[in-house]
Amino acid sequence: MRFSAKNNVSAGRAGEYLTLLYLELLGCRPSIARQDGFDIIAIYNNKPIRVETKAASLPRNGRVHFQFSLQRGAKYNKITSTDCDVVALAAIPLFHVKFISINLVHKRRVHIRREEFFMEDIEKRTWEEAMEDYGE
């Protein structure tokens, strides 16, 4: 299935569901929350973790990386720790997710090379790194 810029809502929803799947496989109890600042609440080690999902459907203009916008709201403010605890970067056509602690988000956009999503156990490894930064 192909997503386009006209279909950002569907791409975003697909990113949420892909993230839910991986959180479930990682031993969390995730639920869609769609609150201001985060999309998913995941219970991990009996603590709630607020997860904001950002999805990319295709690299643009033949580039070898996916671009994710780390902004929210009409004023395009950068997401911060008041919004969420973890950002999930979902590469929809690759069916992979990279988790990043919100404390490591310093820009409004991030570029992830395609091959980075194929690193062994990327979901497990990046979730554990995010939880380590979070204090879990």
N, C-alpha and C. Protein backbone atom coordinates (compact mmCIF):
# COMPACT_ATOMS: atom_id res chain seq x y z
N MET A 1 0.85 -1.18 0.00
CA MET A 1 0.00 0.00 0.00
C MET A 1 0.89 1.24 0.00
N ARG A 2 0.48 2.22 -0.75
CA ARG A 2 1.24 3.46 -0.88
C ARG A 2 0.52 4.60 -0.18
N PHE A 3 1.28 5.40 0.54
CA PHE A 3 0.73 6.58 1.19
C PHE A 3 1.30 7.79 0.50
N SER A 4 0.55 8.86 0.45
CA SER A 4 1.03 10.08 -0.19
C SER A 4 0.90 11.25 0.78
N ALA A 5 1.45 12.38 0.38
CA ALA A 5 1.35 13.58 1.21
C ALA A 5 -0.11 13.96 1.45
N LYS A 6 -1.00 13.63 0.50
CA LYS A 6 -2.42 13.93 0.65
C LYS A 6 -3.06 13.03 1.71
N ASN A 7 -2.38 11.98 2.05
CA ASN A 7 -2.94 10.97 2.92
C ASN A 7 -2.17 10.89 4.25
N ASN A 8 -1.76 12.05 4.78
CA ASN A 8 -0.97 12.07 6.00
C ASN A 8 -1.68 11.46 7.20
N VAL A 9 -3.00 11.61 7.26
CA VAL A 9 -3.75 11.04 8.38
C VAL A 9 -3.62 9.52 8.36
N SER A 10 -3.77 8.91 7.20
CA SER A 10 -3.64 7.46 7.10
C SER A 10 -2.23 7.00 7.42
N ALA A 11 -1.23 7.73 6.94
CA ALA A 11 0.17 7.38 7.25
C ALA A 11 0.41 7.51 8.75
N GLY A 12 -0.11 8.56 9.35
CA GLY A 12 0.04 8.74 10.80
C GLY A 12 -0.61 7.62 11.58
N ARG A 13 -1.80 7.24 11.17
CA ARG A 13 -2.52 6.15 11.84
C ARG A 13 -1.77 4.84 11.66
N ALA A 14 -1.25 4.59 10.45
CA ALA A 14 -0.46 3.37 10.21
C ALA A 14 0.78 3.36 11.11
N GLY A 15 1.41 4.52 11.28
CA GLY A 15 2.56 4.62 12.18
C GLY A 15 2.19 4.31 13.62
N GLU A 16 1.04 4.77 14.04
CA GLU A 16 0.57 4.47 15.41
C GLU A 16 0.37 2.97 15.60
N TYR A 17 -0.29 2.33 14.63
CA TYR A 17 -0.56 0.90 14.76
C TYR A 17 0.71 0.06 14.67
N LEU A 18 1.64 0.47 13.82
CA LEU A 18 2.93 -0.23 13.74
C LEU A 18 3.68 -0.09 15.07
N THR A 19 3.64 1.10 15.64
CA THR A 19 4.28 1.34 16.94
C THR A 19 3.61 0.52 18.03
N LEU A 20 2.27 0.46 18.02
CA LEU A 20 1.54 -0.36 18.99
C LEU A 20 1.99 -1.82 18.92
N LEU A 21 2.14 -2.33 17.70
CA LEU A 21 2.57 -3.72 17.52
C LEU A 21 3.93 -3.95 18.19
N TYR A 22 4.89 -3.10 17.89
CA TYR A 22 6.22 -3.29 18.46
C TYR A 22 6.23 -3.10 19.98
N LEU A 23 5.47 -2.15 20.49
CA LEU A 23 5.41 -1.97 21.94
C LEU A 23 4.83 -3.21 22.61
N GLU A 24 3.82 -3.79 21.99
CA GLU A 24 3.23 -5.03 22.51
C GLU A 24 4.28 -6.14 22.53
N LEU A 25 5.03 -6.28 21.43
CA LEU A 25 6.07 -7.31 21.35
C LEU A 25 7.20 -7.07 22.35
N LEU A 26 7.40 -5.81 22.74
CA LEU A 26 8.45 -5.46 23.70
C LEU A 26 7.99 -5.61 25.15
N GLY A 27 6.77 -6.09 25.34
CA GLY A 27 6.30 -6.35 26.70
C GLY A 27 5.56 -5.20 27.35
N CYS A 28 5.20 -4.20 26.59
CA CYS A 28 4.43 -3.07 27.12
C CYS A 28 2.94 -3.39 27.01
N ARG A 29 2.16 -2.58 27.67
CA ARG A 29 0.72 -2.61 27.50
C ARG A 29 0.32 -1.27 26.88
N PRO A 30 0.36 -1.17 25.55
CA PRO A 30 0.09 0.12 24.90
C PRO A 30 -1.38 0.33 24.57
N SER A 31 -1.77 1.60 24.55
CA SER A 31 -3.12 1.99 24.14
C SER A 31 -3.03 3.30 23.37
N ILE A 32 -3.90 3.43 22.38
CA ILE A 32 -4.00 4.71 21.67
C ILE A 32 -4.57 5.73 22.64
N ALA A 33 -3.94 6.89 22.73
CA ALA A 33 -4.41 7.93 23.64
C ALA A 33 -4.80 9.19 22.87
N ARG A 34 -4.02 9.54 21.85
CA ARG A 34 -4.23 10.74 21.04
C ARG A 34 -4.50 11.97 21.90
N GLN A 35 -3.62 12.21 22.82
CA GLN A 35 -3.68 13.39 23.67
C GLN A 35 -2.83 14.49 23.03
N ASP A 36 -2.98 15.70 23.51
CA ASP A 36 -2.17 16.79 23.00
C ASP A 36 -0.71 16.53 23.38
N GLY A 37 0.11 16.18 22.39
CA GLY A 37 1.52 15.94 22.64
C GLY A 37 1.95 14.49 22.53
N PHE A 38 1.01 13.54 22.67
CA PHE A 38 1.39 12.14 22.51
C PHE A 38 0.21 11.34 21.97
N ASP A 39 0.55 10.23 21.30
CA ASP A 39 -0.46 9.39 20.64
C ASP A 39 -0.78 8.11 21.40
N ILE A 40 0.23 7.60 22.11
CA ILE A 40 0.12 6.29 22.74
C ILE A 40 0.57 6.40 24.19
N ILE A 41 -0.13 5.71 25.05
CA ILE A 41 0.34 5.55 26.43
C ILE A 41 0.72 4.08 26.57
N ALA A 42 1.95 3.82 26.97
CA ALA A 42 2.44 2.45 27.10
C ALA A 42 2.82 2.21 28.56
N ILE A 43 2.26 1.18 29.14
CA ILE A 43 2.63 0.83 30.51
C ILE A 43 3.83 -0.10 30.43
N TYR A 44 4.94 0.35 31.01
CA TYR A 44 6.20 -0.40 30.98
C TYR A 44 6.77 -0.42 32.40
N ASN A 45 7.02 -1.61 32.92
CA ASN A 45 7.46 -1.75 34.32
C ASN A 45 6.53 -1.00 35.27
N ASN A 46 5.22 -1.13 35.00
CA ASN A 46 4.16 -0.51 35.81
C ASN A 46 4.18 1.00 35.82
N LYS A 47 4.85 1.62 34.84
CA LYS A 47 4.87 3.07 34.74
C LYS A 47 4.35 3.49 33.37
N PRO A 48 3.59 4.59 33.33
CA PRO A 48 3.10 5.08 32.04
C PRO A 48 4.20 5.82 31.27
N ILE A 49 4.34 5.48 30.00
CA ILE A 49 5.30 6.13 29.11
C ILE A 49 4.49 6.77 27.98
N ARG A 50 4.64 8.08 27.81
CA ARG A 50 3.93 8.80 26.75
C ARG A 50 4.75 8.73 25.47
N VAL A 51 4.15 8.18 24.42
CA VAL A 51 4.85 7.97 23.14
C VAL A 51 4.19 8.81 22.05
N GLU A 52 4.98 9.67 21.43
CA GLU A 52 4.52 10.43 20.26
C GLU A 52 5.03 9.71 19.02
N THR A 53 4.13 9.41 18.10
CA THR A 53 4.50 8.70 16.89
C THR A 53 4.63 9.66 15.72
N LYS A 54 5.72 9.54 14.98
CA LYS A 54 5.93 10.29 13.75
C LYS A 54 6.16 9.28 12.64
N ALA A 55 5.43 9.42 11.56
CA ALA A 55 5.51 8.44 10.48
C ALA A 55 6.02 9.08 9.19
N ALA A 56 6.74 8.29 8.42
CA ALA A 56 7.18 8.70 7.09
C ALA A 56 6.81 7.58 6.13
N SER A 57 6.21 7.97 5.01
CA SER A 57 5.75 6.94 4.09
C SER A 57 6.78 6.59 3.03
N LEU A 58 7.49 7.56 2.49
CA LEU A 58 8.50 7.29 1.47
C LEU A 58 9.60 8.34 1.56
N PRO A 59 10.85 7.94 1.29
CA PRO A 59 11.88 8.98 1.17
C PRO A 59 11.51 9.89 0.00
N ARG A 60 11.73 11.17 0.15
CA ARG A 60 11.33 12.13 -0.88
C ARG A 60 12.42 12.36 -1.92
N ASN A 61 11.99 12.59 -3.14
CA ASN A 61 12.87 12.97 -4.24
C ASN A 61 14.05 12.04 -4.43
N GLY A 62 13.84 10.75 -4.28
CA GLY A 62 14.90 9.77 -4.50
C GLY A 62 15.98 9.75 -3.44
N ARG A 63 15.75 10.40 -2.32
CA ARG A 63 16.75 10.43 -1.25
C ARG A 63 16.86 9.08 -0.58
N VAL A 64 17.96 8.88 0.13
CA VAL A 64 18.20 7.59 0.79
C VAL A 64 17.83 7.65 2.27
N HIS A 65 17.13 8.70 2.68
CA HIS A 65 16.74 8.80 4.08
C HIS A 65 15.26 9.18 4.20
N PHE A 66 14.72 8.87 5.37
CA PHE A 66 13.37 9.28 5.71
C PHE A 66 13.47 10.56 6.52
N GLN A 67 12.56 11.48 6.28
CA GLN A 67 12.53 12.73 7.04
C GLN A 67 11.32 12.72 7.97
N PHE A 68 11.56 13.04 9.24
CA PHE A 68 10.49 13.09 10.22
C PHE A 68 10.41 14.50 10.80
N SER A 69 9.22 15.03 10.88
CA SER A 69 9.00 16.33 11.49
C SER A 69 8.72 16.12 12.97
N LEU A 70 9.50 16.75 13.82
CA LEU A 70 9.34 16.59 15.27
C LEU A 70 8.68 17.84 15.84
N GLN A 71 7.57 18.21 15.22
CA GLN A 71 6.84 19.41 15.62
C GLN A 71 5.41 19.05 15.95
N ARG A 72 4.73 19.97 16.60
CA ARG A 72 3.32 19.74 16.91
C ARG A 72 2.57 21.06 16.87
N GLY A 73 1.29 20.96 16.65
CA GLY A 73 0.42 22.14 16.71
C GLY A 73 0.52 23.05 15.51
N ALA A 74 -0.40 24.02 15.48
CA ALA A 74 -0.48 24.96 14.36
C ALA A 74 0.75 25.86 14.29
N LYS A 75 1.40 26.08 15.41
CA LYS A 75 2.59 26.95 15.42
C LYS A 75 3.87 26.18 15.17
N TYR A 76 3.76 24.88 14.94
CA TYR A 76 4.90 24.02 14.63
C TYR A 76 6.00 24.10 15.69
N ASN A 77 5.58 24.00 16.92
CA ASN A 77 6.54 23.98 18.03
C ASN A 77 7.24 22.63 18.09
N LYS A 78 8.52 22.64 18.41
CA LYS A 78 9.27 21.39 18.58
C LYS A 78 8.70 20.65 19.78
N ILE A 79 8.54 19.34 19.64
CA ILE A 79 8.04 18.57 20.77
C ILE A 79 9.10 18.52 21.86
N THR A 80 8.64 18.52 23.10
CA THR A 80 9.55 18.56 24.26
C THR A 80 9.10 17.54 25.30
N SER A 81 9.81 17.48 26.39
CA SER A 81 9.48 16.55 27.48
C SER A 81 8.16 16.88 28.17
N THR A 82 7.63 18.07 27.97
CA THR A 82 6.29 18.35 28.51
C THR A 82 5.21 17.68 27.66
N ASP A 83 5.57 17.31 26.42
CA ASP A 83 4.62 16.66 25.51
C ASP A 83 4.64 15.14 25.64
N CYS A 84 5.83 14.56 25.67
CA CYS A 84 5.94 13.10 25.65
C CYS A 84 7.27 12.67 26.28
N ASP A 85 7.44 11.36 26.43
CA ASP A 85 8.67 10.80 26.99
C ASP A 85 9.54 10.17 25.91
N VAL A 86 8.89 9.61 24.89
CA VAL A 86 9.58 8.88 23.82
C VAL A 86 8.94 9.26 22.49
N VAL A 87 9.77 9.36 21.45
CA VAL A 87 9.28 9.56 20.09
C VAL A 87 9.52 8.27 19.32
N ALA A 88 8.48 7.81 18.63
CA ALA A 88 8.59 6.61 17.78
C ALA A 88 8.61 7.08 16.34
N LEU A 89 9.69 6.78 15.63
CA LEU A 89 9.84 7.14 14.22
C LEU A 89 9.51 5.91 13.39
N ALA A 90 8.37 5.93 12.74
CA ALA A 90 7.87 4.76 12.01
C ALA A 90 8.11 4.94 10.51
N ALA A 91 8.92 4.05 9.94
CA ALA A 91 9.14 4.02 8.49
C ALA A 91 8.12 3.04 7.92
N ILE A 92 7.01 3.56 7.47
CA ILE A 92 5.86 2.74 7.07
C ILE A 92 6.20 1.68 6.03
N PRO A 93 6.83 2.01 4.90
CA PRO A 93 7.05 0.96 3.88
C PRO A 93 8.05 -0.10 4.32
N LEU A 94 8.86 0.20 5.32
CA LEU A 94 9.85 -0.78 5.79
C LEU A 94 9.33 -1.60 6.97
N PHE A 95 8.21 -1.19 7.55
CA PHE A 95 7.62 -1.86 8.71
C PHE A 95 8.58 -1.91 9.89
N HIS A 96 9.29 -0.81 10.12
CA HIS A 96 10.21 -0.71 11.26
C HIS A 96 9.99 0.60 12.00
N VAL A 97 10.35 0.58 13.29
CA VAL A 97 10.21 1.75 14.15
C VAL A 97 11.51 1.94 14.92
N LYS A 98 11.92 3.20 15.01
CA LYS A 98 13.07 3.57 15.84
C LYS A 98 12.54 4.44 16.97
N PHE A 99 12.87 4.08 18.21
CA PHE A 99 12.45 4.85 19.38
C PHE A 99 13.57 5.78 19.81
N ILE A 100 13.22 7.00 20.20
CA ILE A 100 14.20 7.98 20.66
C ILE A 100 13.66 8.64 21.93
N SER A 101 14.50 8.74 22.93
CA SER A 101 14.13 9.48 24.14
C SER A 101 13.90 10.94 23.76
N ILE A 102 12.88 11.55 24.33
CA ILE A 102 12.60 12.95 24.04
C ILE A 102 13.78 13.83 24.46
N ASN A 103 14.56 13.38 25.41
CA ASN A 103 15.73 14.16 25.86
C ASN A 103 16.80 14.27 24.78
N LEU A 104 16.72 13.43 23.75
CA LEU A 104 17.70 13.47 22.66
C LEU A 104 17.18 14.21 21.43
N VAL A 105 15.98 14.78 21.54
CA VAL A 105 15.39 15.53 20.43
C VAL A 105 15.81 16.99 20.57
N HIS A 106 16.61 17.45 19.60
CA HIS A 106 17.12 18.83 19.66
C HIS A 106 16.73 19.66 18.44
N LYS A 107 16.17 19.02 17.43
CA LYS A 107 15.82 19.72 16.19
C LYS A 107 14.35 19.52 15.87
N ARG A 108 13.86 20.29 14.92
CA ARG A 108 12.47 20.16 14.49
C ARG A 108 12.28 19.10 13.42
N ARG A 109 13.38 18.66 12.83
CA ARG A 109 13.34 17.59 11.82
C ARG A 109 14.51 16.66 12.06
N VAL A 110 14.29 15.39 11.73
CA VAL A 110 15.37 14.42 11.83
C VAL A 110 15.36 13.57 10.57
N HIS A 111 16.54 13.23 10.10
CA HIS A 111 16.71 12.39 8.91
C HIS A 111 17.32 11.07 9.35
N ILE A 112 16.69 9.97 8.97
CA ILE A 112 17.19 8.64 9.30
C ILE A 112 17.44 7.90 7.98
N ARG A 113 18.66 7.43 7.82
CA ARG A 113 18.99 6.69 6.60
C ARG A 113 18.21 5.39 6.56
N ARG A 114 17.80 5.02 5.38
CA ARG A 114 16.99 3.81 5.15
C ARG A 114 17.63 2.58 5.79
N GLU A 115 18.92 2.39 5.60
CA GLU A 115 19.57 1.19 6.11
C GLU A 115 19.60 1.13 7.64
N GLU A 116 19.49 2.28 8.30
CA GLU A 116 19.47 2.28 9.76
C GLU A 116 18.26 1.52 10.31
N PHE A 117 17.15 1.53 9.57
CA PHE A 117 15.96 0.82 10.00
C PHE A 117 16.11 -0.70 9.90
N PHE A 118 17.15 -1.15 9.21
CA PHE A 118 17.38 -2.59 9.07
C PHE A 118 18.44 -3.12 10.03
N MET A 119 18.91 -2.27 10.94
CA MET A 119 19.87 -2.74 11.94
C MET A 119 19.20 -3.79 12.80
N GLU A 120 19.97 -4.78 13.20
CA GLU A 120 19.42 -5.90 13.96
C GLU A 120 18.73 -5.42 15.24
N ASP A 121 17.52 -5.91 15.44
CA ASP A 121 16.73 -5.60 16.64
C ASP A 121 16.59 -4.12 16.90
N ILE A 122 16.39 -3.31 15.86
CA ILE A 122 16.33 -1.86 16.04
C ILE A 122 15.26 -1.44 17.04
N GLU A 123 14.09 -2.08 16.98
CA GLU A 123 13.02 -1.70 17.90
C GLU A 123 13.40 -2.00 19.34
N LYS A 124 13.87 -3.21 19.60
CA LYS A 124 14.24 -3.60 20.96
C LYS A 124 15.41 -2.76 21.49
N ARG A 125 16.42 -2.60 20.67
CA ARG A 125 17.61 -1.87 21.09
C ARG A 125 17.30 -0.40 21.38
N THR A 126 16.55 0.25 20.45
CA THR A 126 16.28 1.68 20.65
C THR A 126 15.27 1.92 21.78
N TRP A 127 14.33 0.97 21.98
CA TRP A 127 13.41 1.10 23.12
C TRP A 127 14.19 1.01 24.43
N GLU A 128 15.09 0.04 24.53
CA GLU A 128 15.89 -0.11 25.74
C GLU A 128 16.75 1.12 25.99
N GLU A 129 17.32 1.70 24.93
CA GLU A 129 18.12 2.92 25.08
C GLU A 129 17.24 4.08 25.57
N ALA A 130 16.04 4.19 25.01
CA ALA A 130 15.13 5.26 25.43
C ALA A 130 14.71 5.07 26.89
N MET A 131 14.46 3.83 27.30
CA MET A 131 14.07 3.56 28.69
C MET A 131 15.24 3.81 29.65
N GLU A 132 16.43 3.51 29.21
CA GLU A 132 17.62 3.80 30.03
C GLU A 132 17.75 5.29 30.25
N ASP A 133 17.53 6.07 29.21
CA ASP A 133 17.59 7.53 29.33
C ASP A 133 16.45 8.05 30.19
N TYR A 134 15.31 7.39 30.11
CA TYR A 134 14.13 7.77 30.87
C TYR A 134 14.27 7.42 32.35
N GLY A 135 15.17 6.47 32.65
CA GLY A 135 15.38 6.07 34.02
C GLY A 135 14.75 4.74 34.40
N GLU A 136 14.40 3.96 33.39
CA GLU A 136 13.79 2.63 33.63
C GLU A 136 14.82 1.55 33.48
